[in-house]
Amino acid sequence: MKQIFNKILAILMSFVVLFSTMSFTISEHYCGDYLVDSAVFSKAESCEMEMEMDMSSSTEDCNFEKEDCCKDINKIVEGQNELNIQVVNLDFEQQSFIASFIYSYINLFEGLDKNVVPFKNYSPPLIVKDIQVLDQVFLI
């Protein structure tokens, strides 16, 4: 059970490191005040209004300009760029103290696997005389 818990914890910690260092972009396309499309890791698809605006501006007969109602918003979520890996140099005395502390701490909570009864295979002695009556000791 303990090994399974350690493996699950290691996998979760690796996902934490992965997602904290990952960067991604959220792209949103608005037409007026309404969200038309949003996409993660790619560009959001534009609506048909933008196509019509491009076609009308290509004609040279139109002298008036329409204001573009569509807009694209890109939100960039940047991850952590630098991971600080600290290496601590310990001398032999500190290493031996840490090793003995961990060993004693682990063994502190370790108990017997099963309840050992040393007299399980032996029968009790036979009572020949009543010792309480013999010594005149009575419980009241």
N, C-alpha and C. Protein backbone atom coordinates (compact mmCIF):
# COMPACT_ATOMS: atom_id res chain seq x y z
N MET A 1 0.82 -1.18 0.00
CA MET A 1 0.00 0.00 0.00
C MET A 1 0.87 1.26 0.00
N LYS A 2 1.96 1.20 0.77
CA LYS A 2 2.85 2.35 0.87
C LYS A 2 3.55 2.61 -0.46
N GLN A 3 3.94 1.54 -1.16
CA GLN A 3 4.61 1.70 -2.45
C GLN A 3 3.66 2.29 -3.49
N ILE A 4 2.41 1.87 -3.46
CA ILE A 4 1.43 2.41 -4.40
C ILE A 4 1.21 3.90 -4.13
N PHE A 5 1.11 4.26 -2.84
CA PHE A 5 0.95 5.67 -2.48
C PHE A 5 2.15 6.50 -2.94
N ASN A 6 3.36 5.96 -2.77
CA ASN A 6 4.57 6.67 -3.21
C ASN A 6 4.59 6.85 -4.73
N LYS A 7 4.16 5.84 -5.47
CA LYS A 7 4.14 5.96 -6.93
C LYS A 7 3.11 6.99 -7.39
N ILE A 8 1.94 6.98 -6.77
CA ILE A 8 0.90 7.96 -7.13
C ILE A 8 1.39 9.37 -6.81
N LEU A 9 2.02 9.54 -5.66
CA LEU A 9 2.54 10.85 -5.28
C LEU A 9 3.63 11.32 -6.24
N ALA A 10 4.50 10.41 -6.68
CA ALA A 10 5.56 10.78 -7.62
C ALA A 10 4.98 11.20 -8.97
N ILE A 11 3.95 10.50 -9.43
CA ILE A 11 3.31 10.87 -10.69
C ILE A 11 2.63 12.22 -10.58
N LEU A 12 1.94 12.47 -9.48
CA LEU A 12 1.29 13.77 -9.27
C LEU A 12 2.31 14.90 -9.23
N MET A 13 3.43 14.70 -8.55
CA MET A 13 4.46 15.73 -8.49
C MET A 13 5.09 15.98 -9.86
N SER A 14 5.25 14.94 -10.67
CA SER A 14 5.79 15.15 -12.02
C SER A 14 4.81 15.95 -12.88
N PHE A 15 3.50 15.73 -12.70
CA PHE A 15 2.52 16.55 -13.43
C PHE A 15 2.53 18.00 -12.95
N VAL A 16 2.75 18.21 -11.66
CA VAL A 16 2.84 19.58 -11.15
C VAL A 16 4.02 20.30 -11.78
N VAL A 17 5.17 19.64 -11.86
CA VAL A 17 6.35 20.25 -12.49
C VAL A 17 6.09 20.49 -13.97
N LEU A 18 5.45 19.54 -14.64
CA LEU A 18 5.17 19.68 -16.07
C LEU A 18 4.25 20.86 -16.33
N PHE A 19 3.15 20.96 -15.60
CA PHE A 19 2.18 22.02 -15.86
C PHE A 19 2.64 23.39 -15.36
N SER A 20 3.53 23.42 -14.38
CA SER A 20 4.03 24.72 -13.92
C SER A 20 5.05 25.30 -14.88
N THR A 21 5.70 24.48 -15.68
CA THR A 21 6.69 24.98 -16.63
C THR A 21 6.14 25.12 -18.04
N MET A 22 4.90 24.74 -18.25
CA MET A 22 4.32 24.76 -19.60
C MET A 22 3.69 26.13 -19.88
N SER A 23 3.92 26.65 -21.08
CA SER A 23 3.31 27.90 -21.53
C SER A 23 2.29 27.58 -22.61
N PHE A 24 1.22 28.36 -22.65
CA PHE A 24 0.23 28.16 -23.70
C PHE A 24 -0.49 29.47 -23.98
N THR A 25 -1.20 29.50 -25.14
CA THR A 25 -1.91 30.69 -25.57
C THR A 25 -3.38 30.37 -25.73
N ILE A 26 -4.22 31.28 -25.24
CA ILE A 26 -5.66 31.16 -25.42
C ILE A 26 -6.07 32.24 -26.41
N SER A 27 -6.61 31.83 -27.54
CA SER A 27 -7.01 32.77 -28.58
C SER A 27 -8.53 32.86 -28.61
N GLU A 28 -9.06 34.10 -28.61
CA GLU A 28 -10.50 34.32 -28.61
C GLU A 28 -10.86 35.27 -29.75
N HIS A 29 -11.97 34.98 -30.41
CA HIS A 29 -12.45 35.84 -31.49
C HIS A 29 -13.82 36.37 -31.10
N TYR A 30 -13.93 37.70 -31.02
CA TYR A 30 -15.18 38.36 -30.67
C TYR A 30 -15.75 39.04 -31.91
N CYS A 31 -17.03 38.91 -32.08
CA CYS A 31 -17.74 39.65 -33.12
C CYS A 31 -18.72 40.56 -32.38
N GLY A 32 -18.37 41.82 -32.32
CA GLY A 32 -19.14 42.75 -31.49
C GLY A 32 -18.81 42.48 -30.04
N ASP A 33 -19.83 42.21 -29.23
CA ASP A 33 -19.60 41.88 -27.83
C ASP A 33 -19.75 40.39 -27.56
N TYR A 34 -19.94 39.60 -28.59
CA TYR A 34 -20.20 38.16 -28.42
C TYR A 34 -18.96 37.35 -28.77
N LEU A 35 -18.69 36.37 -27.94
CA LEU A 35 -17.58 35.45 -28.19
C LEU A 35 -18.02 34.44 -29.24
N VAL A 36 -17.28 34.40 -30.36
CA VAL A 36 -17.63 33.49 -31.44
C VAL A 36 -16.86 32.19 -31.32
N ASP A 37 -15.55 32.27 -31.03
CA ASP A 37 -14.74 31.06 -30.96
C ASP A 37 -13.58 31.31 -30.01
N SER A 38 -13.18 30.26 -29.33
CA SER A 38 -11.97 30.32 -28.50
C SER A 38 -11.20 29.03 -28.74
N ALA A 39 -9.89 29.14 -28.66
CA ALA A 39 -9.04 27.98 -28.92
C ALA A 39 -7.80 28.06 -28.04
N VAL A 40 -7.32 26.89 -27.66
CA VAL A 40 -6.09 26.79 -26.89
C VAL A 40 -5.06 26.14 -27.80
N PHE A 41 -3.84 26.63 -27.82
CA PHE A 41 -2.72 26.15 -28.62
C PHE A 41 -2.87 26.44 -30.12
N SER A 42 -3.94 27.08 -30.57
CA SER A 42 -4.11 27.39 -31.98
C SER A 42 -4.87 28.71 -32.11
N LYS A 43 -4.99 29.19 -33.35
CA LYS A 43 -5.69 30.45 -33.57
C LYS A 43 -7.19 30.18 -33.66
N ALA A 44 -7.97 31.06 -33.06
CA ALA A 44 -9.43 30.92 -33.10
C ALA A 44 -9.92 31.23 -34.51
N GLU A 45 -10.95 30.50 -34.93
CA GLU A 45 -11.50 30.72 -36.26
C GLU A 45 -12.28 32.02 -36.29
N SER A 46 -12.16 32.72 -37.42
CA SER A 46 -12.85 34.00 -37.53
C SER A 46 -14.27 33.79 -38.05
N CYS A 47 -15.09 34.80 -37.82
CA CYS A 47 -16.48 34.70 -38.26
C CYS A 47 -16.59 35.19 -39.70
N GLU A 48 -17.76 35.12 -40.26
CA GLU A 48 -17.97 35.48 -41.66
C GLU A 48 -18.00 36.98 -41.87
N MET A 49 -18.22 37.74 -40.81
CA MET A 49 -18.24 39.20 -40.93
C MET A 49 -16.89 39.73 -41.37
N GLU A 50 -15.85 39.12 -40.89
CA GLU A 50 -14.51 39.56 -41.25
C GLU A 50 -14.25 39.31 -42.73
N MET A 51 -14.75 38.22 -43.25
CA MET A 51 -14.59 37.91 -44.67
C MET A 51 -15.30 38.97 -45.52
N GLU A 52 -16.52 39.33 -45.13
CA GLU A 52 -17.27 40.32 -45.89
C GLU A 52 -16.58 41.67 -45.85
N MET A 53 -15.97 42.02 -44.72
CA MET A 53 -15.28 43.29 -44.61
C MET A 53 -14.08 43.32 -45.54
N ASP A 54 -13.37 42.18 -45.68
CA ASP A 54 -12.22 42.13 -46.57
C ASP A 54 -12.64 42.26 -48.03
N MET A 55 -13.77 41.67 -48.39
CA MET A 55 -14.24 41.72 -49.76
C MET A 55 -14.70 43.14 -50.12
N SER A 56 -15.36 43.83 -49.21
CA SER A 56 -15.88 45.16 -49.51
C SER A 56 -14.74 46.18 -49.60
N SER A 57 -13.67 45.94 -48.88
CA SER A 57 -12.57 46.90 -48.94
C SER A 57 -11.73 46.71 -50.19
N SER A 58 -11.87 45.55 -50.85
CA SER A 58 -11.08 45.32 -52.06
C SER A 58 -11.67 46.03 -53.27
N THR A 59 -12.95 46.35 -53.20
CA THR A 59 -13.53 47.07 -54.33
C THR A 59 -13.13 48.53 -54.25
N GLU A 60 -12.87 49.10 -55.40
CA GLU A 60 -12.40 50.47 -55.41
C GLU A 60 -13.55 51.46 -55.57
N ASP A 61 -14.78 50.94 -55.75
CA ASP A 61 -15.92 51.82 -55.90
C ASP A 61 -16.32 52.45 -54.56
N CYS A 62 -16.06 51.72 -53.48
CA CYS A 62 -16.47 52.21 -52.16
C CYS A 62 -15.43 53.18 -51.64
N ASN A 63 -15.89 54.33 -51.27
CA ASN A 63 -14.98 55.31 -50.69
C ASN A 63 -15.13 55.39 -49.18
N PHE A 64 -16.24 54.90 -48.66
CA PHE A 64 -16.42 54.97 -47.22
C PHE A 64 -15.79 53.73 -46.57
N GLU A 65 -15.38 53.92 -45.36
CA GLU A 65 -14.76 52.81 -44.64
C GLU A 65 -15.65 52.42 -43.46
N LYS A 66 -15.86 51.13 -43.32
CA LYS A 66 -16.63 50.62 -42.19
C LYS A 66 -15.67 50.32 -41.04
N GLU A 67 -16.21 50.52 -39.88
CA GLU A 67 -15.42 50.18 -38.70
C GLU A 67 -15.53 48.68 -38.46
N ASP A 68 -14.42 48.05 -38.20
CA ASP A 68 -14.39 46.60 -38.02
C ASP A 68 -14.99 46.24 -36.66
N CYS A 69 -16.00 45.38 -36.68
CA CYS A 69 -16.64 45.00 -35.42
C CYS A 69 -16.00 43.76 -34.81
N CYS A 70 -15.17 43.09 -35.53
CA CYS A 70 -14.53 41.87 -35.04
C CYS A 70 -13.18 42.19 -34.41
N LYS A 71 -12.83 41.43 -33.40
CA LYS A 71 -11.52 41.60 -32.79
C LYS A 71 -11.03 40.26 -32.27
N ASP A 72 -9.72 40.09 -32.31
CA ASP A 72 -9.06 38.90 -31.81
C ASP A 72 -8.30 39.26 -30.55
N ILE A 73 -8.42 38.43 -29.54
CA ILE A 73 -7.70 38.62 -28.28
C ILE A 73 -6.89 37.36 -28.01
N ASN A 74 -5.60 37.56 -27.77
CA ASN A 74 -4.71 36.45 -27.45
C ASN A 74 -4.22 36.62 -26.01
N LYS A 75 -4.49 35.62 -25.19
CA LYS A 75 -4.02 35.64 -23.80
C LYS A 75 -2.89 34.62 -23.69
N ILE A 76 -1.75 35.09 -23.27
CA ILE A 76 -0.58 34.22 -23.15
C ILE A 76 -0.35 33.90 -21.68
N VAL A 77 -0.34 32.62 -21.37
CA VAL A 77 -0.04 32.16 -20.01
C VAL A 77 1.36 31.56 -20.04
N GLU A 78 2.28 32.26 -19.40
CA GLU A 78 3.67 31.81 -19.43
C GLU A 78 3.97 30.99 -18.19
N GLY A 79 4.70 29.92 -18.41
CA GLY A 79 5.09 29.04 -17.31
C GLY A 79 6.40 29.50 -16.71
N GLN A 80 6.84 28.76 -15.77
CA GLN A 80 8.08 29.07 -15.07
C GLN A 80 9.25 28.70 -15.98
N ASN A 81 10.16 29.64 -16.19
CA ASN A 81 11.29 29.39 -17.09
C ASN A 81 12.47 28.77 -16.38
N GLU A 82 12.68 29.13 -15.15
CA GLU A 82 13.86 28.68 -14.44
C GLU A 82 13.47 27.81 -13.26
N LEU A 83 14.01 26.63 -13.22
CA LEU A 83 13.82 25.75 -12.06
C LEU A 83 15.10 25.78 -11.25
N ASN A 84 15.00 26.10 -10.01
CA ASN A 84 16.17 26.15 -9.14
C ASN A 84 16.42 24.78 -8.56
N ILE A 85 17.49 24.18 -8.99
CA ILE A 85 17.89 22.88 -8.46
C ILE A 85 19.03 23.12 -7.49
N GLN A 86 18.78 22.86 -6.23
CA GLN A 86 19.79 23.11 -5.21
C GLN A 86 20.42 21.79 -4.79
N VAL A 87 21.72 21.76 -4.83
CA VAL A 87 22.46 20.60 -4.39
C VAL A 87 23.17 20.99 -3.10
N VAL A 88 22.90 20.24 -2.05
CA VAL A 88 23.49 20.54 -0.75
C VAL A 88 24.62 19.54 -0.52
N ASN A 89 25.78 20.05 -0.25
CA ASN A 89 26.92 19.19 0.04
C ASN A 89 27.00 18.99 1.54
N LEU A 90 26.88 17.75 1.97
CA LEU A 90 26.93 17.39 3.39
C LEU A 90 28.20 16.62 3.67
N ASP A 91 28.79 16.88 4.82
CA ASP A 91 29.96 16.09 5.19
C ASP A 91 29.50 14.74 5.76
N PHE A 92 30.47 13.89 6.09
CA PHE A 92 30.16 12.52 6.50
C PHE A 92 29.34 12.47 7.78
N GLU A 93 29.64 13.35 8.75
CA GLU A 93 28.92 13.34 10.02
C GLU A 93 27.45 13.70 9.82
N GLN A 94 27.17 14.69 8.97
CA GLN A 94 25.79 15.08 8.70
C GLN A 94 25.04 13.97 7.96
N GLN A 95 25.71 13.32 7.02
CA GLN A 95 25.09 12.21 6.29
C GLN A 95 24.76 11.06 7.22
N SER A 96 25.68 10.73 8.10
CA SER A 96 25.43 9.61 9.03
C SER A 96 24.30 9.96 10.01
N PHE A 97 24.23 11.23 10.45
CA PHE A 97 23.15 11.64 11.34
C PHE A 97 21.80 11.53 10.64
N ILE A 98 21.72 12.01 9.41
CA ILE A 98 20.46 11.95 8.66
C ILE A 98 20.04 10.51 8.41
N ALA A 99 21.01 9.66 8.03
CA ALA A 99 20.69 8.25 7.77
C ALA A 99 20.20 7.56 9.04
N SER A 100 20.87 7.79 10.18
CA SER A 100 20.44 7.14 11.43
C SER A 100 19.10 7.70 11.91
N PHE A 101 18.86 8.99 11.70
CA PHE A 101 17.58 9.58 12.11
C PHE A 101 16.43 8.98 11.29
N ILE A 102 16.62 8.88 9.98
CA ILE A 102 15.57 8.31 9.13
C ILE A 102 15.34 6.84 9.47
N TYR A 103 16.41 6.09 9.68
CA TYR A 103 16.27 4.68 10.02
C TYR A 103 15.53 4.50 11.34
N SER A 104 15.86 5.30 12.36
CA SER A 104 15.19 5.17 13.65
C SER A 104 13.74 5.66 13.57
N TYR A 105 13.48 6.68 12.76
CA TYR A 105 12.11 7.19 12.62
C TYR A 105 11.22 6.17 11.91
N ILE A 106 11.75 5.50 10.90
CA ILE A 106 10.96 4.48 10.19
C ILE A 106 10.67 3.31 11.11
N ASN A 107 11.68 2.89 11.89
CA ASN A 107 11.49 1.74 12.79
C ASN A 107 10.67 2.09 14.02
N LEU A 108 10.46 3.36 14.29
CA LEU A 108 9.68 3.77 15.45
C LEU A 108 8.23 3.32 15.31
N PHE A 109 7.69 3.41 14.13
CA PHE A 109 6.29 3.05 13.91
C PHE A 109 6.11 1.62 13.42
N GLU A 110 7.17 0.88 13.35
CA GLU A 110 7.07 -0.49 12.87
C GLU A 110 6.79 -1.40 14.06
N GLY A 111 5.72 -2.12 14.00
CA GLY A 111 5.36 -3.01 15.11
C GLY A 111 5.53 -4.46 14.70
N LEU A 112 5.07 -5.34 15.58
CA LEU A 112 5.13 -6.76 15.25
C LEU A 112 4.08 -7.08 14.20
N ASP A 113 4.41 -8.01 13.32
CA ASP A 113 3.48 -8.38 12.28
C ASP A 113 2.24 -9.06 12.85
N LYS A 114 2.45 -9.93 13.83
CA LYS A 114 1.32 -10.60 14.46
C LYS A 114 1.57 -10.65 15.96
N ASN A 115 0.54 -10.88 16.69
CA ASN A 115 0.64 -10.92 18.15
C ASN A 115 1.27 -12.25 18.56
N VAL A 116 2.47 -12.21 19.11
CA VAL A 116 3.21 -13.42 19.48
C VAL A 116 2.86 -13.79 20.92
N VAL A 117 2.37 -15.02 21.11
CA VAL A 117 2.05 -15.54 22.45
C VAL A 117 3.07 -16.65 22.74
N PRO A 118 4.00 -16.42 23.70
CA PRO A 118 5.07 -17.41 23.90
C PRO A 118 4.60 -18.71 24.56
N PHE A 119 3.50 -18.67 25.29
CA PHE A 119 3.04 -19.88 26.00
C PHE A 119 1.85 -20.54 25.31
N LYS A 120 1.71 -20.30 24.01
CA LYS A 120 0.55 -20.82 23.30
C LYS A 120 0.58 -22.36 23.21
N ASN A 121 1.73 -22.96 23.12
CA ASN A 121 1.84 -24.41 22.93
C ASN A 121 1.93 -25.18 24.25
N TYR A 122 1.90 -24.48 25.38
CA TYR A 122 2.02 -25.13 26.68
C TYR A 122 0.68 -25.07 27.41
N SER A 123 0.33 -26.18 28.07
CA SER A 123 -0.90 -26.22 28.86
C SER A 123 -0.61 -25.72 30.28
N PRO A 124 -1.59 -25.13 30.96
CA PRO A 124 -1.35 -24.65 32.33
C PRO A 124 -1.22 -25.84 33.30
N PRO A 125 -0.56 -25.61 34.43
CA PRO A 125 -0.40 -26.72 35.40
C PRO A 125 -1.75 -27.10 36.04
N LEU A 126 -1.86 -28.35 36.45
CA LEU A 126 -3.08 -28.82 37.08
C LEU A 126 -3.15 -28.31 38.52
N ILE A 127 -4.36 -27.94 38.95
CA ILE A 127 -4.53 -27.42 40.31
C ILE A 127 -4.81 -28.61 41.23
N VAL A 128 -3.89 -28.81 42.19
CA VAL A 128 -4.03 -29.92 43.12
C VAL A 128 -4.80 -29.48 44.35
N LYS A 129 -4.46 -28.33 44.89
CA LYS A 129 -5.12 -27.79 46.06
C LYS A 129 -5.54 -26.36 45.75
N ASP A 130 -6.57 -25.90 46.46
CA ASP A 130 -7.01 -24.53 46.30
C ASP A 130 -6.09 -23.63 47.11
N ILE A 131 -5.27 -22.85 46.46
CA ILE A 131 -4.23 -22.06 47.13
C ILE A 131 -4.85 -20.95 47.97
N GLN A 132 -5.97 -20.37 47.55
CA GLN A 132 -6.59 -19.30 48.32
C GLN A 132 -7.12 -19.81 49.66
N VAL A 133 -7.69 -20.99 49.67
CA VAL A 133 -8.19 -21.56 50.93
C VAL A 133 -7.01 -21.99 51.79
N LEU A 134 -5.98 -22.49 51.17
CA LEU A 134 -4.80 -22.95 51.90
C LEU A 134 -4.12 -21.78 52.62
N ASP A 135 -3.99 -20.64 51.94
CA ASP A 135 -3.36 -19.46 52.53
C ASP A 135 -4.36 -18.55 53.24
N GLN A 136 -5.63 -18.86 53.18
CA GLN A 136 -6.72 -18.09 53.78
C GLN A 136 -6.71 -16.63 53.27
N VAL A 137 -6.67 -16.51 51.98
CA VAL A 137 -6.72 -15.20 51.32
C VAL A 137 -7.99 -15.21 50.50
N PHE A 138 -8.93 -14.29 50.84
CA PHE A 138 -10.21 -14.27 50.16
C PHE A 138 -10.48 -12.88 49.61
N LEU A 139 -11.07 -12.82 48.45
CA LEU A 139 -11.46 -11.55 47.85
C LEU A 139 -12.84 -11.15 48.34
N ILE A 140 -12.97 -9.94 48.81
CA ILE A 140 -14.27 -9.48 49.31
C ILE A 140 -14.90 -8.55 48.33
